[in-house]
N, C-alpha and C. Protein backbone atom coordinates (compact mmCIF):
# COMPACT_ATOMS: atom_id res chain seq x y z
N MET A 1 -0.28 7.04 6.42
CA MET A 1 -1.30 7.06 5.39
C MET A 1 -2.64 7.34 6.07
N LYS A 2 -3.43 8.24 5.50
CA LYS A 2 -4.71 8.58 6.09
C LYS A 2 -5.67 7.40 6.01
N LEU A 3 -6.63 7.39 6.90
CA LEU A 3 -7.61 6.32 6.99
C LEU A 3 -8.37 6.17 5.67
N THR A 4 -8.77 7.28 5.06
CA THR A 4 -9.51 7.23 3.80
C THR A 4 -8.69 6.58 2.70
N LYS A 5 -7.41 6.90 2.63
CA LYS A 5 -6.55 6.29 1.62
C LYS A 5 -6.39 4.80 1.86
N ARG A 6 -6.29 4.39 3.12
CA ARG A 6 -6.17 2.97 3.44
C ARG A 6 -7.43 2.22 3.02
N ILE A 7 -8.57 2.79 3.30
CA ILE A 7 -9.83 2.15 2.93
C ILE A 7 -9.93 2.03 1.42
N CYS A 8 -9.60 3.10 0.70
CA CYS A 8 -9.63 3.06 -0.76
C CYS A 8 -8.69 2.00 -1.30
N LEU A 9 -7.50 1.91 -0.74
CA LEU A 9 -6.54 0.91 -1.19
C LEU A 9 -7.05 -0.50 -0.94
N MET A 10 -7.63 -0.74 0.24
CA MET A 10 -8.17 -2.06 0.55
C MET A 10 -9.33 -2.42 -0.37
N LEU A 11 -10.20 -1.45 -0.63
CA LEU A 11 -11.33 -1.70 -1.53
C LEU A 11 -10.85 -1.98 -2.95
N PHE A 12 -9.80 -1.27 -3.38
CA PHE A 12 -9.25 -1.50 -4.72
C PHE A 12 -8.71 -2.92 -4.84
N VAL A 13 -7.93 -3.33 -3.88
CA VAL A 13 -7.34 -4.68 -3.93
C VAL A 13 -8.43 -5.74 -3.86
N ALA A 14 -9.38 -5.57 -2.96
CA ALA A 14 -10.47 -6.54 -2.83
C ALA A 14 -11.31 -6.61 -4.09
N SER A 15 -11.59 -5.45 -4.68
CA SER A 15 -12.42 -5.46 -5.89
C SER A 15 -11.68 -6.07 -7.06
N PHE A 16 -10.38 -5.83 -7.16
CA PHE A 16 -9.61 -6.41 -8.27
C PHE A 16 -9.57 -7.93 -8.16
N ILE A 17 -9.32 -8.43 -6.97
CA ILE A 17 -9.26 -9.88 -6.77
C ILE A 17 -10.63 -10.50 -6.99
N ALA A 18 -11.68 -9.86 -6.49
CA ALA A 18 -13.03 -10.40 -6.65
C ALA A 18 -13.44 -10.41 -8.12
N ALA A 19 -13.01 -9.41 -8.87
CA ALA A 19 -13.42 -9.32 -10.28
C ALA A 19 -12.66 -10.29 -11.17
N THR A 20 -11.43 -10.57 -10.89
CA THR A 20 -10.63 -11.37 -11.80
C THR A 20 -10.52 -12.83 -11.40
N GLY A 21 -10.51 -13.12 -10.14
CA GLY A 21 -10.30 -14.49 -9.69
C GLY A 21 -8.82 -14.80 -9.68
N CYS A 22 -8.43 -15.72 -8.83
CA CYS A 22 -7.01 -16.01 -8.64
C CYS A 22 -6.36 -16.61 -9.89
N ALA A 23 -7.04 -17.53 -10.55
CA ALA A 23 -6.43 -18.17 -11.73
C ALA A 23 -6.21 -17.17 -12.84
N THR A 24 -7.21 -16.32 -13.10
CA THR A 24 -7.07 -15.31 -14.14
C THR A 24 -5.99 -14.32 -13.78
N LEU A 25 -5.96 -13.91 -12.53
CA LEU A 25 -4.94 -12.98 -12.07
C LEU A 25 -3.55 -13.58 -12.25
N ASN A 26 -3.39 -14.84 -11.93
CA ASN A 26 -2.11 -15.52 -12.10
C ASN A 26 -1.70 -15.53 -13.58
N ASP A 27 -2.64 -15.82 -14.47
CA ASP A 27 -2.34 -15.81 -15.92
C ASP A 27 -1.93 -14.43 -16.39
N ILE A 28 -2.64 -13.40 -15.91
CA ILE A 28 -2.31 -12.03 -16.31
C ILE A 28 -0.91 -11.66 -15.85
N LEU A 29 -0.58 -12.02 -14.60
CA LEU A 29 0.74 -11.69 -14.08
C LEU A 29 1.84 -12.44 -14.81
N LYS A 30 1.54 -13.62 -15.32
CA LYS A 30 2.52 -14.39 -16.09
C LYS A 30 2.62 -13.89 -17.53
N GLY A 31 1.71 -13.00 -17.94
CA GLY A 31 1.74 -12.47 -19.30
C GLY A 31 1.06 -13.36 -20.31
N ASN A 32 0.21 -14.28 -19.86
CA ASN A 32 -0.45 -15.22 -20.76
C ASN A 32 -1.94 -15.25 -20.43
N PRO A 33 -2.66 -14.14 -20.66
CA PRO A 33 -4.04 -14.05 -20.21
C PRO A 33 -5.04 -14.87 -21.00
N SER A 34 -4.71 -15.26 -22.23
CA SER A 34 -5.73 -15.95 -23.03
C SER A 34 -5.14 -17.09 -23.83
N GLY A 35 -4.31 -17.88 -23.21
CA GLY A 35 -3.81 -19.08 -23.86
C GLY A 35 -2.82 -18.83 -24.97
N GLY A 36 -2.00 -17.83 -24.89
CA GLY A 36 -0.96 -17.61 -25.87
C GLY A 36 -1.13 -16.38 -26.73
N GLU A 37 -2.33 -15.81 -26.79
CA GLU A 37 -2.54 -14.60 -27.57
C GLU A 37 -1.83 -13.43 -26.91
N THR A 38 -1.36 -12.52 -27.73
CA THR A 38 -0.77 -11.29 -27.22
C THR A 38 -1.82 -10.20 -27.35
N LEU A 39 -2.10 -9.52 -26.27
CA LEU A 39 -3.12 -8.48 -26.27
C LEU A 39 -2.47 -7.12 -26.46
N ASP A 40 -3.14 -6.26 -27.23
CA ASP A 40 -2.60 -4.91 -27.40
C ASP A 40 -2.93 -4.07 -26.17
N GLU A 41 -2.29 -2.94 -26.06
CA GLU A 41 -2.41 -2.09 -24.88
C GLU A 41 -3.85 -1.63 -24.66
N ALA A 42 -4.56 -1.28 -25.71
CA ALA A 42 -5.94 -0.81 -25.58
C ALA A 42 -6.84 -1.90 -25.00
N THR A 43 -6.62 -3.14 -25.42
CA THR A 43 -7.43 -4.26 -24.92
C THR A 43 -7.13 -4.50 -23.44
N VAL A 44 -5.87 -4.44 -23.07
CA VAL A 44 -5.49 -4.62 -21.67
C VAL A 44 -6.10 -3.53 -20.81
N ILE A 45 -6.01 -2.29 -21.26
CA ILE A 45 -6.57 -1.16 -20.51
C ILE A 45 -8.08 -1.32 -20.36
N ALA A 46 -8.75 -1.70 -21.45
CA ALA A 46 -10.21 -1.90 -21.39
C ALA A 46 -10.56 -3.03 -20.42
N GLY A 47 -9.77 -4.09 -20.44
CA GLY A 47 -10.01 -5.21 -19.52
C GLY A 47 -9.83 -4.83 -18.07
N ILE A 48 -8.79 -4.08 -17.80
CA ILE A 48 -8.53 -3.62 -16.42
C ILE A 48 -9.64 -2.70 -15.95
N ARG A 49 -10.07 -1.79 -16.82
CA ARG A 49 -11.17 -0.88 -16.46
C ARG A 49 -12.45 -1.66 -16.16
N GLU A 50 -12.75 -2.63 -17.00
CA GLU A 50 -13.96 -3.44 -16.78
C GLU A 50 -13.85 -4.24 -15.49
N ALA A 51 -12.68 -4.81 -15.23
CA ALA A 51 -12.48 -5.57 -13.99
C ALA A 51 -12.64 -4.67 -12.77
N LEU A 52 -12.10 -3.47 -12.83
CA LEU A 52 -12.23 -2.53 -11.72
C LEU A 52 -13.68 -2.10 -11.54
N LYS A 53 -14.38 -1.87 -12.65
CA LYS A 53 -15.79 -1.48 -12.58
C LYS A 53 -16.63 -2.57 -11.92
N ILE A 54 -16.48 -3.80 -12.38
CA ILE A 54 -17.25 -4.92 -11.83
C ILE A 54 -16.86 -5.19 -10.38
N GLY A 55 -15.56 -5.18 -10.12
CA GLY A 55 -15.08 -5.43 -8.75
C GLY A 55 -15.55 -4.36 -7.79
N THR A 56 -15.54 -3.11 -8.22
CA THR A 56 -16.01 -2.02 -7.37
C THR A 56 -17.49 -2.16 -7.10
N GLN A 57 -18.28 -2.50 -8.13
CA GLN A 57 -19.71 -2.70 -7.94
C GLN A 57 -19.97 -3.84 -6.95
N ASN A 58 -19.25 -4.94 -7.11
CA ASN A 58 -19.43 -6.08 -6.21
C ASN A 58 -19.03 -5.73 -4.78
N THR A 59 -17.96 -4.98 -4.64
CA THR A 59 -17.50 -4.58 -3.31
C THR A 59 -18.50 -3.65 -2.64
N VAL A 60 -19.02 -2.69 -3.39
CA VAL A 60 -20.02 -1.77 -2.83
C VAL A 60 -21.27 -2.53 -2.41
N LEU A 61 -21.73 -3.46 -3.26
CA LEU A 61 -22.91 -4.26 -2.91
C LEU A 61 -22.66 -5.09 -1.65
N SER A 62 -21.48 -5.66 -1.55
CA SER A 62 -21.14 -6.51 -0.41
C SER A 62 -21.02 -5.71 0.88
N THR A 63 -20.34 -4.59 0.83
CA THR A 63 -20.10 -3.82 2.05
C THR A 63 -21.28 -2.95 2.45
N SER A 64 -22.22 -2.69 1.54
CA SER A 64 -23.35 -1.84 1.89
C SER A 64 -24.49 -2.62 2.54
N LYS A 65 -24.40 -3.96 2.57
CA LYS A 65 -25.41 -4.77 3.26
C LYS A 65 -25.26 -4.56 4.76
N LEU A 66 -26.29 -4.97 5.50
CA LEU A 66 -26.24 -4.89 6.95
C LEU A 66 -25.03 -5.67 7.46
N ASP A 67 -24.17 -5.05 8.21
CA ASP A 67 -22.93 -5.62 8.74
C ASP A 67 -21.94 -6.02 7.63
N GLY A 68 -22.11 -5.50 6.45
CA GLY A 68 -21.19 -5.81 5.35
C GLY A 68 -19.81 -5.23 5.56
N TYR A 69 -19.73 -4.12 6.27
CA TYR A 69 -18.43 -3.51 6.57
C TYR A 69 -18.08 -3.71 8.05
N LEU A 70 -18.94 -3.23 8.92
CA LEU A 70 -18.63 -3.29 10.35
C LEU A 70 -18.58 -4.72 10.86
N GLY A 71 -19.31 -5.63 10.24
CA GLY A 71 -19.31 -7.02 10.68
C GLY A 71 -18.27 -7.89 10.00
N ASN A 72 -17.54 -7.33 9.06
CA ASN A 72 -16.53 -8.10 8.31
C ASN A 72 -15.15 -7.78 8.87
N GLN A 73 -14.59 -8.69 9.66
CA GLN A 73 -13.30 -8.47 10.30
C GLN A 73 -12.14 -8.37 9.31
N LEU A 74 -12.33 -8.85 8.08
CA LEU A 74 -11.26 -8.79 7.09
C LEU A 74 -11.03 -7.39 6.55
N ILE A 75 -12.07 -6.57 6.52
CA ILE A 75 -11.93 -5.23 5.94
C ILE A 75 -12.19 -4.11 6.93
N ARG A 76 -12.84 -4.43 8.03
CA ARG A 76 -13.18 -3.41 9.02
C ARG A 76 -11.92 -2.92 9.73
N ILE A 77 -11.84 -1.63 9.91
CA ILE A 77 -10.72 -1.06 10.65
C ILE A 77 -11.21 -0.83 12.08
N ALA A 78 -10.67 -1.60 12.99
CA ALA A 78 -11.12 -1.56 14.39
C ALA A 78 -10.60 -0.32 15.11
N VAL A 79 -11.28 -0.01 16.20
CA VAL A 79 -10.84 1.08 17.07
C VAL A 79 -9.49 0.67 17.68
N PRO A 80 -8.51 1.56 17.67
CA PRO A 80 -7.21 1.23 18.27
C PRO A 80 -7.36 0.84 19.74
N GLU A 81 -6.50 -0.06 20.20
CA GLU A 81 -6.56 -0.57 21.58
C GLU A 81 -6.61 0.54 22.62
N GLN A 82 -5.85 1.60 22.37
CA GLN A 82 -5.79 2.70 23.35
C GLN A 82 -7.13 3.42 23.50
N LEU A 83 -8.02 3.26 22.51
CA LEU A 83 -9.29 3.98 22.54
C LEU A 83 -10.50 3.09 22.81
N VAL A 84 -10.29 1.81 23.06
CA VAL A 84 -11.40 0.88 23.25
C VAL A 84 -12.27 1.29 24.44
N SER A 85 -11.66 1.67 25.55
CA SER A 85 -12.46 2.05 26.73
C SER A 85 -13.23 3.35 26.46
N VAL A 86 -12.63 4.28 25.74
CA VAL A 86 -13.32 5.52 25.39
C VAL A 86 -14.50 5.21 24.48
N ALA A 87 -14.27 4.36 23.47
CA ALA A 87 -15.33 3.98 22.54
C ALA A 87 -16.47 3.29 23.27
N SER A 88 -16.14 2.43 24.22
CA SER A 88 -17.16 1.72 24.99
C SER A 88 -18.02 2.71 25.79
N THR A 89 -17.37 3.67 26.42
CA THR A 89 -18.09 4.68 27.20
C THR A 89 -19.00 5.50 26.29
N LEU A 90 -18.50 5.89 25.13
CA LEU A 90 -19.31 6.68 24.19
C LEU A 90 -20.51 5.88 23.71
N ARG A 91 -20.33 4.59 23.48
CA ARG A 91 -21.46 3.74 23.07
C ARG A 91 -22.52 3.68 24.18
N GLN A 92 -22.08 3.60 25.44
CA GLN A 92 -23.02 3.57 26.56
C GLN A 92 -23.82 4.87 26.67
N LEU A 93 -23.22 5.95 26.18
CA LEU A 93 -23.88 7.27 26.20
C LEU A 93 -24.75 7.49 24.97
N GLY A 94 -24.85 6.46 24.12
CA GLY A 94 -25.70 6.57 22.94
C GLY A 94 -25.02 7.17 21.72
N LEU A 95 -23.70 7.19 21.72
CA LEU A 95 -22.94 7.78 20.61
C LEU A 95 -22.26 6.72 19.76
N GLY A 96 -22.86 5.53 19.66
CA GLY A 96 -22.27 4.43 18.91
C GLY A 96 -22.08 4.73 17.44
N SER A 97 -23.03 5.44 16.82
CA SER A 97 -22.90 5.74 15.38
C SER A 97 -21.72 6.67 15.13
N GLN A 98 -21.45 7.60 16.04
CA GLN A 98 -20.30 8.48 15.90
C GLN A 98 -19.00 7.69 16.06
N VAL A 99 -18.99 6.72 16.97
CA VAL A 99 -17.80 5.88 17.15
C VAL A 99 -17.55 5.09 15.89
N ASP A 100 -18.61 4.55 15.28
CA ASP A 100 -18.47 3.78 14.04
C ASP A 100 -17.93 4.64 12.91
N GLN A 101 -18.32 5.88 12.88
CA GLN A 101 -17.82 6.78 11.83
C GLN A 101 -16.35 7.04 12.03
């Protein structure tokens, strides 16, 4: 899987969980999102879209802060072990931003 796809997948999962919360997510997965009411397909689709919209906004706000991505070990994709020495040398040469990219 390409790096971009992995990042998108991680952001999607993080935004969905952040937007819904664990208890709500558990209720949705059990098929009982609102205490016994049955929701029609349009309402479910609208709810999922809204959750994704809010979760994506929250994720973007969180990761766009200083060290929001590079400083967060839970979502940051580290340089592979085989390339750590190369990355270190490039940083010493002033190419740290390229290594981060």
